[in-house]
C-alpha atoms as a PDB file:
ATOM      1  CA  MET A   1     -46.963 -42.852  30.738  1.00  0.00           C
ATOM      2  CA  ARG A   2     -50.869 -41.260  29.206  1.00  0.00           C
ATOM      3  CA  VAL A   3     -50.979 -38.348  31.186  1.00  0.00           C
ATOM      4  CA  ARG A   4     -47.430 -37.436  30.169  1.00  0.00           C
ATOM      5  CA  THR A   5     -48.337 -37.371  26.453  1.00  0.00           C
ATOM      6  CA  LEU A   6     -50.546 -35.115  25.842  1.00  0.00           C
ATOM      7  CA  PRO A   7     -48.037 -32.054  27.295  1.00  0.00           C
ATOM      8  CA  LEU A   8     -45.202 -33.504  25.260  1.00  0.00           C
ATOM      9  CA  LEU A   9     -47.484 -33.260  22.121  1.00  0.00           C
ATOM     10  CA  LEU A  10     -48.168 -30.287  22.484  1.00  0.00           C
ATOM     11  CA  GLY A  11     -44.851 -28.891  23.317  1.00  0.00           C
ATOM     12  CA  ALA A  12     -43.731 -30.533  20.459  1.00  0.00           C
ATOM     13  CA  GLY A  13     -46.881 -28.446  18.360  1.00  0.00           C
ATOM     14  CA  VAL A  14     -45.477 -25.363  19.920  1.00  0.00           C
ATOM     15  CA  LEU A  15     -42.572 -25.843  18.894  1.00  0.00           C
ATOM     16  CA  LEU A  16     -42.867 -27.082  15.019  1.00  0.00           C
ATOM     17  CA  LEU A  17     -45.288 -24.118  15.043  1.00  0.00           C
ATOM     18  CA  CYS A  18     -42.627 -21.857  16.249  1.00  0.00           C
ATOM     19  CA  ALA A  19     -39.967 -23.088  13.705  1.00  0.00           C
ATOM     20  CA  THR A  20     -42.612 -22.756  10.496  1.00  0.00           C
ATOM     21  CA  LEU A  21     -43.017 -19.321  11.389  1.00  0.00           C
ATOM     22  CA  GLY A  22     -39.646 -18.417  11.662  1.00  0.00           C
ATOM     23  CA  PHE A  23     -38.980 -20.405   8.611  1.00  0.00           C
ATOM     24  CA  VAL A  24     -41.641 -17.847   6.880  1.00  0.00           C
ATOM     25  CA  ILE A  25     -40.026 -15.066   8.468  1.00  0.00           C
ATOM     26  CA  THR A  26     -36.563 -15.683   7.058  1.00  0.00           C
ATOM     27  CA  LEU A  27     -37.743 -16.936   3.960  1.00  0.00           C
ATOM     28  CA  GLY A  28     -39.942 -13.178   3.257  1.00  0.00           C
ATOM     29  CA  THR A  29     -36.641 -11.503   4.454  1.00  0.00           C
ATOM     30  CA  ALA A  30     -34.600 -12.844   2.549  1.00  0.00           C
ATOM     31  CA  LEU A  31     -36.591 -12.171  -0.859  1.00  0.00           C
ATOM     32  CA  LEU A  32     -37.385  -8.762   0.381  1.00  0.00           C
ATOM     33  CA  TRP A  33     -33.822  -7.871   0.938  1.00  0.00           C
ATOM     34  CA  GLY A  34     -33.106  -9.505  -2.338  1.00  0.00           C
ATOM     35  CA  TYR A  35     -35.707  -7.541  -3.977  1.00  0.00           C
ATOM     36  CA  LEU A  36     -34.406  -4.320  -2.263  1.00  0.00           C
ATOM     37  CA  ALA A  37     -30.720  -5.395  -3.404  1.00  0.00           C
ATOM     38  CA  GLY A  38     -31.156  -6.162  -6.733  1.00  0.00           C
ATOM     39  CA  ASP A  39     -30.902  -9.920  -7.145  1.00  0.00           C
ATOM     40  CA  ALA A  40     -28.397 -11.323  -8.956  1.00  0.00           C
ATOM     41  CA  ARG A  41     -30.159 -13.246 -11.268  1.00  0.00           C
ATOM     42  CA  ALA A  42     -33.162 -13.057 -13.787  1.00  0.00           C
ATOM     43  CA  VAL A  43     -35.463 -15.165 -15.234  1.00  0.00           C
ATOM     44  CA  VAL A  44     -35.808 -15.542 -18.948  1.00  0.00           C
ATOM     45  CA  ALA A  45     -38.989 -16.853 -21.565  1.00  0.00           C
ATOM     46  CA  ASP A  46     -37.644 -20.010 -21.164  1.00  0.00           C
ATOM     47  CA  GLN A  47     -38.075 -20.156 -17.123  1.00  0.00           C
ATOM     48  CA  THR A  48     -33.749 -20.893 -17.024  1.00  0.00           C
ATOM     49  CA  ILE A  49     -32.525 -18.613 -14.498  1.00  0.00           C
ATOM     50  CA  TYR A  50     -29.666 -16.879 -15.694  1.00  0.00           C
ATOM     51  CA  TYR A  51     -26.968 -14.352 -14.415  1.00  0.00           C
ATOM     52  CA  ALA A  52     -28.950 -10.372 -14.886  1.00  0.00           C
ATOM     53  CA  ASP A  53     -26.016  -9.701 -16.091  1.00  0.00           C
ATOM     54  CA  SER A  54     -25.546 -12.409 -18.439  1.00  0.00           C
ATOM     55  CA  PRO A  55     -24.211 -11.957 -22.019  1.00  0.00           C
ATOM     56  CA  ILE A  56     -26.770 -13.850 -23.665  1.00  0.00           C
ATOM     57  CA  GLY A  57     -30.212 -12.262 -24.611  1.00  0.00           C
ATOM     58  CA  PRO A  58     -31.219  -9.558 -27.592  1.00  0.00           C
ATOM     59  CA  GLN A  59     -30.663  -6.841 -25.004  1.00  0.00           C
ATOM     60  CA  ALA A  60     -26.914  -8.418 -24.617  1.00  0.00           C
ATOM     61  CA  ALA A  61     -26.454  -9.101 -28.221  1.00  0.00           C
ATOM     62  CA  GLN A  62     -27.453  -5.127 -28.719  1.00  0.00           C
ATOM     63  CA  SER A  63     -24.768  -3.934 -26.637  1.00  0.00           C
ATOM     64  CA  PRO A  64     -22.029  -1.469 -28.076  1.00  0.00           C
ATOM     65  CA  LEU A  65     -18.169  -3.633 -28.715  1.00  0.00           C
ATOM     66  CA  ALA A  66     -15.584  -1.692 -26.586  1.00  0.00           C
ATOM     67  CA  SER A  67     -12.443   0.056 -28.503  1.00  0.00           C
ATOM     68  CA  VAL A  68     -10.490  -1.772 -25.199  1.00  0.00           C
ATOM     69  CA  PHE A  69      -9.365  -4.703 -27.940  1.00  0.00           C
ATOM     70  CA  THR A  70      -6.287  -4.674 -29.886  1.00  0.00           C
ATOM     71  CA  ASN A  71      -6.731  -3.274 -34.158  1.00  0.00           C
ATOM     72  CA  GLU A  72      -6.333  -7.058 -34.816  1.00  0.00           C
ATOM     73  CA  VAL A  73      -9.380  -7.904 -32.696  1.00  0.00           C
ATOM     74  CA  LEU A  74     -11.582  -4.550 -33.887  1.00  0.00           C
ATOM     75  CA  TYR A  75     -10.461  -5.311 -37.594  1.00  0.00           C
ATOM     76  CA  TRP A  76     -13.308  -7.705 -37.231  1.00  0.00           C
ATOM     77  CA  THR A  77     -16.066  -5.008 -36.182  1.00  0.00           C
ATOM     78  CA  PRO A  78     -18.730  -5.554 -38.786  1.00  0.00           C
ATOM     79  CA  LEU A  79     -18.433 -10.000 -38.713  1.00  0.00           C
ATOM     80  CA  ILE A  80     -18.802  -9.793 -34.575  1.00  0.00           C
ATOM     81  CA  GLN A  81     -21.742  -7.612 -34.673  1.00  0.00           C
ATOM     82  CA  ALA A  82     -23.199  -9.584 -36.898  1.00  0.00           C
ATOM     83  CA  TRP A  83     -22.457 -12.452 -35.461  1.00  0.00           C
ATOM     84  CA  ALA A  84     -23.503 -11.563 -32.114  1.00  0.00           C
ATOM     85  CA  ALA A  85     -27.055 -10.931 -33.979  1.00  0.00           C
ATOM     86  CA  VAL A  86     -27.202 -14.108 -35.265  1.00  0.00           C
ATOM     87  CA  TYR A  87     -25.971 -15.764 -31.902  1.00  0.00           C
ATOM     88  CA  GLN A  88     -28.002 -13.524 -29.272  1.00  0.00           C
ATOM     89  CA  VAL A  89     -24.579 -13.039 -27.438  1.00  0.00           C
ATOM     90  CA  ASP A  90     -23.015  -9.942 -26.678  1.00  0.00           C
ATOM     91  CA  PRO A  91     -20.207  -8.211 -29.451  1.00  0.00           C
ATOM     92  CA  ASN A  92     -18.029  -7.749 -26.304  1.00  0.00           C
ATOM     93  CA  LEU A  93     -17.937 -11.593 -25.003  1.00  0.00           C
ATOM     94  CA  ILE A  94     -17.366 -12.602 -28.750  1.00  0.00           C
ATOM     95  CA  ALA A  95     -14.414 -10.427 -29.134  1.00  0.00           C
ATOM     96  CA  THR A  96     -12.858 -11.570 -25.767  1.00  0.00           C
ATOM     97  CA  LEU A  97     -12.765 -14.903 -27.403  1.00  0.00           C
ATOM     98  CA  ILE A  98     -11.676 -13.959 -30.253  1.00  0.00           C
ATOM     99  CA  GLN A  99      -8.388 -11.725 -28.579  1.00  0.00           C
ATOM    100  CA  ILE A 100      -7.454 -14.593 -26.325  1.00  0.00           C
ATOM    101  CA  GLU A 101      -7.452 -17.444 -28.470  1.00  0.00           C
ATOM    102  CA  SER A 102      -5.901 -15.869 -31.694  1.00  0.00           C
ATOM    103  CA  CYS A 103      -5.968 -11.861 -31.576  1.00  0.00           C
ATOM    104  CA  GLY A 104      -7.677 -11.929 -34.848  1.00  0.00           C
ATOM    105  CA  ASP A 105      -5.996 -14.152 -36.868  1.00  0.00           C
ATOM    106  CA  PRO A 106      -7.865 -16.570 -38.922  1.00  0.00           C
ATOM    107  CA  SER A 107      -4.868 -18.932 -40.110  1.00  0.00           C
ATOM    108  CA  VAL A 108      -3.455 -19.610 -36.872  1.00  0.00           C
ATOM    109  CA  ALA A 109      -3.303 -23.271 -35.768  1.00  0.00           C
ATOM    110  CA  SER A 110      -2.332 -24.387 -32.009  1.00  0.00           C
ATOM    111  CA  PRO A 111       0.263 -27.360 -31.236  1.00  0.00           C
ATOM    112  CA  ALA A 112      -2.796 -28.898 -29.820  1.00  0.00           C
ATOM    113  CA  GLY A 113      -4.688 -28.789 -33.387  1.00  0.00           C
ATOM    114  CA  ALA A 114      -7.216 -26.021 -32.603  1.00  0.00           C
ATOM    115  CA  GLN A 115      -8.216 -24.071 -35.967  1.00  0.00           C
ATOM    116  CA  GLY A 116      -8.555 -20.575 -36.916  1.00  0.00           C
ATOM    117  CA  LEU A 117     -10.240 -17.642 -35.482  1.00  0.00           C
ATOM    118  CA  PHE A 118     -12.222 -19.135 -32.500  1.00  0.00           C
ATOM    119  CA  GLN A 119      -9.218 -21.862 -32.106  1.00  0.00           C
ATOM    120  CA  VAL A 120     -11.745 -24.997 -32.596  1.00  0.00           C
ATOM    121  CA  MET A 121     -11.200 -27.926 -32.219  1.00  0.00           C
ATOM    122  CA  PRO A 122     -11.243 -30.582 -35.492  1.00  0.00           C
ATOM    123  CA  PHE A 123     -13.688 -32.985 -33.605  1.00  0.00           C
ATOM    124  CA  HIS A 124     -16.321 -29.944 -34.122  1.00  0.00           C
ATOM    125  CA  PHE A 125     -16.163 -29.877 -37.755  1.00  0.00           C
ATOM    126  CA  ASP A 126     -18.508 -32.075 -39.886  1.00  0.00           C
ATOM    127  CA  PRO A 127     -16.149 -34.003 -42.581  1.00  0.00           C
ATOM    128  CA  GLY A 128     -14.998 -31.559 -45.425  1.00  0.00           C
ATOM    129  CA  GLU A 129     -15.630 -28.238 -44.102  1.00  0.00           C
ATOM    130  CA  ASP A 130     -13.474 -26.165 -44.433  1.00  0.00           C
ATOM    131  CA  MET A 131     -11.987 -25.189 -40.429  1.00  0.00           C
ATOM    132  CA  LEU A 132     -10.090 -22.198 -41.218  1.00  0.00           C
ATOM    133  CA  ASP A 133     -13.489 -20.511 -42.948  1.00  0.00           C
ATOM    134  CA  VAL A 134     -14.437 -17.497 -40.802  1.00  0.00           C
ATOM    135  CA  GLN A 135     -17.371 -18.161 -41.164  1.00  0.00           C
ATOM    136  CA  THR A 136     -17.651 -22.215 -40.318  1.00  0.00           C
ATOM    137  CA  ASN A 137     -15.154 -21.664 -37.902  1.00  0.00           C
ATOM    138  CA  ALA A 138     -17.286 -18.769 -35.876  1.00  0.00           C
ATOM    139  CA  ARG A 139     -20.574 -20.859 -36.741  1.00  0.00           C
ATOM    140  CA  ARG A 140     -18.105 -23.804 -34.454  1.00  0.00           C
ATOM    141  CA  GLY A 141     -17.268 -22.070 -32.151  1.00  0.00           C
ATOM    142  CA  LEU A 142     -20.093 -19.994 -31.018  1.00  0.00           C
ATOM    143  CA  SER A 143     -22.279 -22.589 -31.161  1.00  0.00           C
ATOM    144  CA  TYR A 144     -19.716 -24.389 -28.594  1.00  0.00           C
ATOM    145  CA  LEU A 145     -19.441 -21.245 -26.411  1.00  0.00           C
ATOM    146  CA  LEU A 146     -23.718 -20.636 -26.674  1.00  0.00           C
ATOM    147  CA  THR A 147     -23.743 -23.990 -25.191  1.00  0.00           C
ATOM    148  CA  GLY A 148     -21.135 -23.611 -22.300  1.00  0.00           C
ATOM    149  CA  LEU A 149     -22.829 -20.122 -21.254  1.00  0.00           C
ATOM    150  CA  ARG A 150     -26.550 -22.126 -21.105  1.00  0.00           C
ATOM    151  CA  LEU A 151     -24.651 -24.712 -19.161  1.00  0.00           C
ATOM    152  CA  ALA A 152     -23.405 -22.088 -16.991  1.00  0.00           C
ATOM    153  CA  ASN A 153     -26.567 -19.929 -16.303  1.00  0.00           C
ATOM    154  CA  GLY A 154     -25.082 -17.698 -18.623  1.00  0.00           C
ATOM    155  CA  HIS A 155     -21.618 -16.722 -16.433  1.00  0.00           C
ATOM    156  CA  ALA A 156     -19.596 -15.319 -18.644  1.00  0.00           C
ATOM    157  CA  GLY A 157     -16.298 -16.297 -16.697  1.00  0.00           C
ATOM    158  CA  LEU A 158     -17.831 -20.448 -16.554  1.00  0.00           C
ATOM    159  CA  ALA A 159     -18.503 -20.360 -19.998  1.00  0.00           C
ATOM    160  CA  LEU A 160     -15.127 -19.341 -21.330  1.00  0.00           C
ATOM    161  CA  ALA A 161     -13.484 -21.897 -18.599  1.00  0.00           C
ATOM    162  CA  GLY A 162     -15.715 -23.967 -20.346  1.00  0.00           C
ATOM    163  CA  TYR A 163     -14.721 -23.306 -23.910  1.00  0.00           C
ATOM    164  CA  ASN A 164     -11.039 -24.189 -22.916  1.00  0.00           C
ATOM    165  CA  GLY A 165     -11.186 -27.075 -20.677  1.00  0.00           C
ATOM    166  CA  GLY A 166     -14.202 -28.449 -22.427  1.00  0.00           C
ATOM    167  CA  HIS A 167     -18.046 -28.040 -21.072  1.00  0.00           C
ATOM    168  CA  GLY A 168     -17.502 -30.569 -17.836  1.00  0.00           C
ATOM    169  CA  VAL A 169     -15.081 -28.224 -16.026  1.00  0.00           C
ATOM    170  CA  ILE A 170     -17.825 -25.817 -15.686  1.00  0.00           C
ATOM    171  CA  ASP A 171     -19.415 -27.913 -12.618  1.00  0.00           C
ATOM    172  CA  ASP A 172     -16.149 -28.985 -11.350  1.00  0.00           C
ATOM    173  CA  GLY A 173     -14.856 -25.741  -9.636  1.00  0.00           C
ATOM    174  CA  TRP A 174     -11.705 -23.714  -9.372  1.00  0.00           C
ATOM    175  CA  ALA A 175      -9.895 -26.478  -7.514  1.00  0.00           C
ATOM    176  CA  ALA A 176      -9.903 -28.888 -10.009  1.00  0.00           C
ATOM    177  CA  TRP A 177      -9.575 -26.740 -13.511  1.00  0.00           C
ATOM    178  CA  SER A 178      -5.963 -27.210 -14.698  1.00  0.00           C
ATOM    179  CA  ALA A 179      -3.649 -24.103 -14.511  1.00  0.00           C
ATOM    180  CA  GLU A 180      -4.111 -23.275 -18.314  1.00  0.00           C
ATOM    181  CA  THR A 181      -8.122 -23.577 -17.813  1.00  0.00           C
ATOM    182  CA  ARG A 182      -7.628 -20.946 -14.544  1.00  0.00           C
ATOM    183  CA  ARG A 183      -5.241 -18.491 -16.513  1.00  0.00           C
ATOM    184  CA  TYR A 184      -8.225 -18.471 -19.356  1.00  0.00           C
ATOM    185  CA  TYR A 185     -10.855 -17.737 -16.564  1.00  0.00           C
ATOM    186  CA  TYR A 186      -8.563 -15.078 -15.401  1.00  0.00           C
ATOM    187  CA  TRP A 187      -8.065 -13.447 -18.373  1.00  0.00           C
ATOM    188  CA  GLY A 188     -10.995 -13.802 -20.424  1.00  0.00           C
ATOM    189  CA  ALA A 189     -13.188 -12.831 -17.301  1.00  0.00           C
ATOM    190  CA  ARG A 190     -11.363 -10.283 -16.189  1.00  0.00           C
ATOM    191  CA  ILE A 191     -11.068  -8.725 -19.832  1.00  0.00           C
ATOM    192  CA  TYR A 192     -14.431  -8.803 -20.625  1.00  0.00           C
ATOM    193  CA  ALA A 193     -15.450  -7.713 -17.500  1.00  0.00           C
ATOM    194  CA  GLU A 194     -13.433  -4.467 -17.679  1.00  0.00           C
ATOM    195  CA  ALA A 195     -14.655  -3.957 -21.505  1.00  0.00           C
ATOM    196  CA  LYS A 196     -18.608  -3.790 -19.817  1.00  0.00           C
ATOM    197  CA  SER A 197     -17.160  -1.295 -17.656  1.00  0.00           C
ATOM    198  CA  GLY A 198     -16.716   1.426 -19.985  1.00  0.00           C
ATOM    199  CA  LEU A 199     -13.044   1.953 -18.845  1.00  0.00           C
ATOM    200  CA  PRO A 200     -10.746   3.373 -21.905  1.00  0.00           C
ATOM    201  CA  ALA A 201      -8.508   0.735 -21.767  1.00  0.00           C
ATOM    202  CA  SER A 202      -8.696  -2.735 -20.419  1.00  0.00           C
ATOM    203  CA  PRO A 203      -5.739  -3.490 -17.289  1.00  0.00           C
ATOM    204  CA  THR A 204      -5.637  -7.042 -17.677  1.00  0.00           C
ATOM    205  CA  LEU A 205      -5.488  -6.730 -21.843  1.00  0.00           C
ATOM    206  CA  ALA A 206      -2.046  -4.808 -21.268  1.00  0.00           C
ATOM    207  CA  GLU A 207      -1.085  -7.553 -18.904  1.00  0.00           C
ATOM    208  CA  TRP A 208      -2.183 -10.607 -21.283  1.00  0.00           C
ATOM    209  CA  LEU A 209       0.016  -9.171 -24.105  1.00  0.00           C
ATOM    210  CA  SER A 210       2.963  -8.413 -21.908  1.00  0.00           C
ATOM    211  CA  ALA A 211       2.248 -12.120 -20.746  1.00  0.00           C
ATOM    212  CA  GLY A 212       2.909 -13.304 -24.448  1.00  0.00           C
ATOM    213  CA  GLY A 213      -0.023 -12.158 -26.230  1.00  0.00           C
ATOM    214  CA  SER A 214       1.966  -9.578 -28.216  1.00  0.00           C
ATOM    215  CA  ARG A 215       3.358 -12.249 -29.847  1.00  0.00           C
ATOM    216  CA  LEU A 216       0.094 -13.598 -31.261  1.00  0.00           C
ATOM    217  CA  CYS A 217      -1.323 -10.109 -32.417  1.00  0.00           C
ATOM    218  CA  GLU A 218       1.718  -9.278 -34.235  1.00  0.00           C
ATOM    219  CA  ARG A 219       1.204 -12.603 -36.218  1.00  0.00           C
ATOM    220  CA  ALA A 220      -2.298 -11.514 -36.726  1.00  0.00           C
ATOM    221  CA  ARG A 221      -1.256  -7.987 -38.488  1.00  0.00           C
ATOM    222  CA  GLN A 222       1.186  -9.716 -40.543  1.00  0.00           C
ATOM    223  CA  THR A 223      -2.069 -12.057 -41.487  1.00  0.00           C
ATOM    224  CA  GLN A 224      -4.341  -9.283 -41.778  1.00  0.00           C
ATOM    225  CA  ALA A 225      -1.782  -7.171 -44.153  1.00  0.00           C
ATOM    226  CA  ARG A 226      -1.531 -10.188 -46.326  1.00  0.00           C
ATOM    227  CA  LEU A 227      -5.253 -10.455 -46.697  1.00  0.00           C
ATOM    228  CA  GLU A 228      -5.711  -7.005 -47.420  1.00  0.00           C
ATOM    229  CA  GLN A 229      -3.356  -7.441 -50.017  1.00  0.00           C
ATOM    230  CA  GLU A 230      -4.785  -9.581 -51.473  1.00  0.00           C
ATOM    231  CA  ASN A 231      -8.416  -8.270 -51.754  1.00  0.00           C
ATOM    232  CA  LYS A 232      -6.938  -5.146 -53.575  1.00  0.00           C
ATOM    233  CA  ALA A 233      -5.392  -7.442 -56.020  1.00  0.00           C
ATOM    234  CA  GLN A 234      -8.718  -9.353 -56.531  1.00  0.00           C
ATOM    235  CA  VAL A 235     -10.554  -6.308 -56.740  1.00  0.00           C
ATOM    236  CA  MET A 236      -8.042  -5.058 -59.552  1.00  0.00           C
ATOM    237  CA  VAL A 237      -8.430  -8.292 -61.774  1.00  0.00           C
ATOM    238  CA  ALA A 238     -12.087  -7.769 -61.182  1.00  0.00           C
ATOM    239  CA  GLN A 239     -12.043  -4.023 -62.777  1.00  0.00           C
ATOM    240  CA  ALA A 240      -9.938  -4.643 -65.085  1.00  0.00           C
ATOM    241  CA  PRO A 241     -11.086  -4.629 -68.899  1.00  0.00           C
END
């Protein structure tokens, strides 16, 4: 037995050495390939790994707002750009959220109870807050979106799914999502990608409008027309002698 032990130990050592060398070579090749091909992720200051095309951060916040969104959403362009700067989020993602949630109607309420421009559920507000106030609604909605983006490591589509179905769905995977959340991911992720691509129009947005979104936008147009009339009346009163 002692005579055979040494060759066995030598053989095991050789195999272990070969395995280690193979792992190192494979890892090195993978890292080199990732460097040459362009890694899909990037490390930011807080050491969290985000997708390289993440909508979070100063550079993303300075992205130009695409013209693919409906006029009812572009109506809010100055505020969208301001919110992008405050929350350090791509304005195109903010516009995508407004597009599929309310189409720019700050007074809309869903059958489930979601309120306002960002369709925020009542339990996200503090007691006494005006849920339909645009700035309050944006603060609550964008805070929730930003949390989802962090949980999803900057993946816009997953963050949108979490906005619709709750942050718990981010790690659940497509198969566990409700049909509503799957549709929401489909609309949101594609509209956002098309807005970022530089296309003159969004085919997915056109599909969303045909699927029923146009009714939401018609209501938004009516609300915005009423707001304009109210603003003009207030200006006239202020200017009256």
